[in-house]
Protein backbone atom coordinates (compact mmCIF):
# COMPACT_ATOMS: atom_id res chain seq x y z
CA MET A 1 38.99 102.30 -33.95
CA LYS A 2 39.49 99.01 -35.79
CA GLY A 3 39.21 96.91 -32.58
CA LYS A 4 36.04 98.67 -31.63
CA GLY A 5 34.59 97.86 -35.00
CA ASN A 6 35.40 94.12 -34.64
CA ALA A 7 33.70 93.98 -31.25
CA GLN A 8 30.60 95.50 -32.71
CA LYS A 9 30.60 92.94 -35.51
CA VAL A 10 30.88 90.03 -32.99
CA LYS A 11 28.14 91.51 -30.87
CA ALA A 12 25.95 91.92 -33.90
CA PHE A 13 26.65 88.28 -34.93
CA PHE A 14 25.65 86.88 -31.52
CA LYS A 15 22.61 89.08 -31.41
CA LYS A 16 21.55 87.90 -34.85
CA ASN A 17 22.23 84.21 -34.21
CA ILE A 18 21.47 83.93 -30.47
CA TYR A 19 18.64 81.43 -31.04
CA TYR A 20 20.86 78.98 -32.90
CA ILE A 21 23.66 79.37 -30.38
CA VAL A 22 21.32 78.53 -27.48
CA MET A 23 20.02 75.44 -29.30
CA ILE A 24 23.55 74.17 -29.95
CA VAL A 25 24.53 74.67 -26.29
CA CYS A 26 21.43 72.75 -25.11
CA ILE A 27 22.07 69.92 -27.52
CA LEU A 28 25.67 69.64 -26.36
CA ALA A 29 24.55 69.63 -22.71
CA ILE A 30 22.00 66.87 -23.31
CA ALA A 31 24.57 64.77 -25.20
CA ALA A 32 27.01 65.16 -22.33
CA MET A 33 24.39 64.03 -19.79
CA ILE A 34 23.49 60.97 -21.86
CA THR A 35 27.15 60.03 -22.22
CA VAL A 36 27.72 60.24 -18.46
CA ALA A 37 24.58 58.18 -17.74
CA VAL A 38 25.63 55.43 -20.17
CA VAL A 39 29.12 55.23 -18.71
CA LEU A 40 27.91 55.07 -15.11
CA GLY A 41 25.14 52.58 -15.91
CA GLY A 42 27.56 50.28 -17.68
CA GLU A 43 29.79 50.22 -14.65
CA GLU A 44 26.89 49.28 -12.31
CA THR A 45 25.47 46.49 -14.45
CA ALA A 46 28.70 44.90 -15.56
CA PRO A 47 28.57 41.20 -14.48
CA THR A 48 31.10 39.94 -12.03
CA PRO A 49 33.29 37.39 -13.72
CA THR A 50 33.11 33.86 -12.32
CA PRO A 51 36.50 32.47 -11.43
CA THR A 52 37.41 29.28 -13.19
CA PRO A 53 38.02 26.57 -10.59
CA THR A 54 41.38 24.98 -10.60
CA PRO A 55 41.95 21.25 -10.15
CA GLY A 56 41.69 20.32 -6.50
CA ASP A 57 39.74 23.49 -5.55
CA VAL A 58 36.40 22.22 -4.13
CA THR A 59 35.54 25.04 -1.74
CA ASP A 60 32.81 26.44 -4.03
CA GLN A 61 31.60 23.14 -5.45
CA ASN A 62 28.27 21.70 -4.25
CA PRO A 63 28.41 17.98 -3.43
CA PRO A 64 25.70 15.88 -5.10
CA ASP A 65 22.57 15.31 -3.04
CA ASP A 66 22.35 11.57 -2.39
CA SER A 67 19.40 11.76 -0.01
CA ASP A 68 17.25 9.94 -2.57
CA ALA A 69 19.89 7.42 -3.51
CA VAL A 70 18.87 3.79 -3.18
CA ASN A 71 20.98 1.66 -0.91
CA PRO A 72 21.33 -1.75 -2.55
CA GLY A 73 20.88 -3.35 0.85
CA ASP A 74 17.63 -1.49 1.61
CA ASP A 75 15.11 -3.98 0.28
CA ASP A 76 11.87 -5.17 1.85
CA THR A 77 12.88 -8.02 4.11
CA ASN A 78 9.23 -9.04 4.51
CA THR A 79 8.86 -9.79 0.81
CA PRO A 80 10.01 -13.23 -0.33
CA VAL A 81 12.89 -13.24 -2.79
CA ASP A 82 10.74 -14.62 -5.59
CA GLY A 83 7.90 -12.18 -4.84
CA THR A 84 5.33 -14.90 -4.04
CA PRO A 85 3.32 -14.64 -0.79
CA GLU A 86 3.82 -17.23 1.93
CA PRO A 87 1.29 -20.08 1.69
CA ILE A 88 -1.60 -20.21 4.16
CA VAL A 89 -1.35 -23.22 6.47
CA PHE A 90 -4.30 -24.22 8.67
CA ILE A 91 -3.99 -25.85 12.06
CA VAL A 92 -6.16 -28.90 12.78
CA PRO A 93 -9.38 -27.34 14.10
CA VAL A 94 -9.75 -29.86 16.97
CA GLU A 95 -6.79 -30.80 19.15
CA GLY A 96 -6.10 -34.54 19.39
CA ALA A 97 -8.98 -35.28 17.03
CA THR A 98 -9.49 -38.33 14.85
CA VAL A 99 -10.72 -38.09 11.26
CA ILE A 100 -13.85 -40.23 11.12
CA LYS A 101 -15.05 -39.15 7.67
CA ASP A 102 -12.82 -37.72 4.99
CA TYR A 103 -13.35 -35.15 2.27
CA ALA A 104 -14.87 -36.89 -0.75
CA MET A 105 -16.34 -34.97 -3.68
CA ASP A 106 -15.18 -37.39 -6.37
CA SER A 107 -16.52 -40.51 -4.65
CA LEU A 108 -19.40 -41.59 -2.43
CA VAL A 109 -19.11 -42.34 1.28
CA TRP A 110 -21.59 -44.06 3.59
CA SER A 111 -23.71 -41.95 5.93
CA ALA A 112 -24.66 -43.93 9.05
CA THR A 113 -27.33 -41.34 9.90
CA LEU A 114 -28.99 -41.05 6.46
CA LYS A 115 -28.34 -44.70 5.59
CA GLN A 116 -27.11 -43.84 2.13
CA TYR A 117 -24.01 -43.08 0.10
CA SER A 118 -23.29 -39.48 -0.80
CA VAL A 119 -20.46 -37.06 -1.40
CA HIS A 120 -18.88 -35.44 1.64
CA PRO A 121 -17.76 -31.80 1.18
CA GLY A 122 -15.63 -31.58 4.33
CA ILE A 123 -13.73 -33.47 7.01
CA ASP A 124 -15.34 -34.78 10.21
CA PHE A 125 -13.05 -34.52 13.23
CA GLN A 126 -14.11 -36.53 16.29
CA GLY A 127 -12.80 -35.49 19.69
CA ALA A 128 -13.26 -36.16 23.35
CA GLU A 129 -16.36 -34.87 25.13
CA GLY A 130 -15.95 -31.17 25.78
CA ALA A 131 -13.33 -30.73 23.02
CA VAL A 132 -13.47 -27.31 21.40
CA ALA A 133 -13.34 -26.26 17.79
CA LEU A 134 -10.48 -23.89 16.95
CA ALA A 135 -10.13 -21.28 14.22
CA ALA A 136 -7.90 -22.89 11.60
CA TYR A 137 -6.52 -19.50 10.61
CA GLU A 138 -6.94 -15.83 11.55
CA GLY A 139 -9.86 -13.96 10.07
CA VAL A 140 -13.23 -12.32 10.66
CA VAL A 141 -16.36 -14.18 11.76
CA THR A 142 -18.96 -13.45 9.09
CA GLU A 143 -21.78 -15.83 10.15
CA VAL A 144 -23.01 -17.51 13.32
CA THR A 145 -26.16 -19.45 12.36
CA TYR A 146 -28.22 -22.52 13.17
CA ASP A 147 -30.17 -24.91 11.00
CA GLN A 148 -31.48 -28.40 11.81
CA LEU A 149 -29.34 -30.31 9.31
CA ASN A 150 -26.00 -28.60 10.08
CA GLY A 151 -26.58 -27.49 13.67
CA ASN A 152 -24.70 -24.44 14.92
CA VAL A 153 -22.41 -23.11 12.19
CA VAL A 154 -19.58 -20.55 12.30
CA LYS A 155 -18.03 -19.08 9.14
CA ILE A 156 -14.71 -17.23 9.11
CA ASP A 157 -13.50 -15.08 6.22
CA HIS A 158 -9.70 -15.19 5.81
CA GLY A 159 -9.53 -12.75 2.91
CA ASP A 160 -9.00 -13.23 -0.83
CA GLY A 161 -12.16 -15.35 -1.07
CA LEU A 162 -10.97 -18.00 1.42
CA VAL A 163 -13.59 -19.10 4.00
CA THR A 164 -13.66 -21.87 6.62
CA ILE A 165 -16.93 -23.40 7.89
CA TYR A 166 -17.38 -25.14 11.28
CA SER A 167 -20.59 -27.16 11.77
CA SER A 168 -22.20 -29.33 14.50
CA LEU A 169 -21.08 -27.03 17.32
CA GLU A 170 -22.74 -26.64 20.67
CA GLU A 171 -23.41 -22.99 21.57
CA PRO A 172 -20.77 -20.88 19.71
CA VAL A 173 -18.65 -18.49 21.80
CA VAL A 174 -17.93 -16.01 18.99
CA THR A 175 -20.11 -13.36 17.35
CA GLU A 176 -20.50 -12.00 13.84
CA GLY A 177 -17.96 -9.30 12.99
CA GLN A 178 -15.46 -10.55 15.57
CA THR A 179 -11.81 -10.81 14.54
CA VAL A 180 -10.21 -14.06 15.68
CA GLU A 181 -6.63 -15.29 15.75
CA GLN A 182 -5.49 -18.69 14.58
CA GLY A 183 -6.35 -21.20 17.34
CA ALA A 184 -9.13 -19.08 18.89
CA GLU A 185 -11.94 -21.11 20.50
CA LEU A 186 -15.19 -21.13 18.53
CA GLY A 187 -17.31 -23.47 20.66
CA VAL A 188 -17.54 -27.05 21.91
CA ILE A 189 -18.01 -29.76 19.28
CA GLY A 190 -21.30 -31.66 19.50
CA THR A 191 -24.10 -33.49 17.73
CA THR A 192 -26.28 -30.55 16.70
CA ALA A 193 -26.02 -31.48 13.00
CA THR A 194 -28.91 -33.94 12.71
CA LYS A 195 -27.71 -35.23 9.32
CA GLU A 196 -24.62 -36.62 11.10
CA MET A 197 -26.01 -37.43 14.56
CA SER A 198 -24.89 -41.07 14.41
CA ASP A 199 -21.26 -39.94 14.24
CA GLY A 200 -21.28 -38.66 17.83
CA ASN A 201 -19.46 -35.55 19.05
CA HIS A 202 -17.55 -34.15 16.11
CA LEU A 203 -16.76 -31.06 14.04
CA HIS A 204 -17.73 -30.95 10.39
CA PHE A 205 -15.06 -28.75 8.76
CA GLU A 206 -15.34 -27.28 5.25
CA VAL A 207 -13.28 -24.85 3.16
CA SER A 208 -14.50 -22.71 0.27
CA LEU A 209 -12.58 -20.49 -2.14
CA ASN A 210 -14.49 -17.80 -4.04
CA GLY A 211 -17.76 -19.51 -3.13
CA GLU A 212 -16.71 -22.97 -4.32
CA ILE A 213 -16.11 -25.90 -1.95
CA CYS A 214 -12.48 -27.04 -2.08
CA ASN A 215 -10.32 -29.72 -0.51
CA PRO A 216 -9.34 -28.76 3.09
CA TYR A 217 -6.11 -30.71 2.65
CA ASP A 218 -4.94 -27.99 0.26
CA TYR A 219 -4.42 -25.87 3.38
CA LEU A 220 -4.10 -28.29 6.30
CA SER A 221 -0.67 -29.47 7.42
CA ILE A 222 -1.91 -33.07 7.59
CA GLY A 223 -2.91 -35.66 5.04
CA ASP A 224 -2.38 -35.73 1.29
CA LYS A 225 -2.18 -32.42 -0.60
């Protein structure tokens, strides 16, 4: 009879406190689930340790990229050592010619045609009949004109403000905008420049730099520099 009474007391206790017992069981179940999740998640996200390389072990080492490295021998062979451009050197614009009147801007020279002394802004080259004027240097023909005093005139732009001027030509054989090489034929020399008719067949040759007349000997390979 005593055991039966204890069973009734336990049954009465559970019946009275069933709500609290259920809450405790649920809480314990949730705690267990959280614990399992934390343990499993920690195992999945744990970083893999990186082995420390030992001396001599280069299998996992990346060699340096030297694709952009500068080779000391890879320099521009077209650039002079001192960095200065090569000087421009003109050829004589008439083959086998004779200088009959020199460049003279600091002194006066006699003009047989005008019968007076005056400065002379170029060099007059006299050649044989039929001799041709040649481009002193490569460039672009910028003007092919005619006027009574200078005759037929060809101007060539060599870049950087440097221009050569060829006067007293017979009919020129080049046109404006044409690119010419050094030594290209421009036309036969003649007497079309009436201000120098008495000098016979010749080429009047001038050089200008940035619009100012300069000494042709600064660029020619002949005469005094």
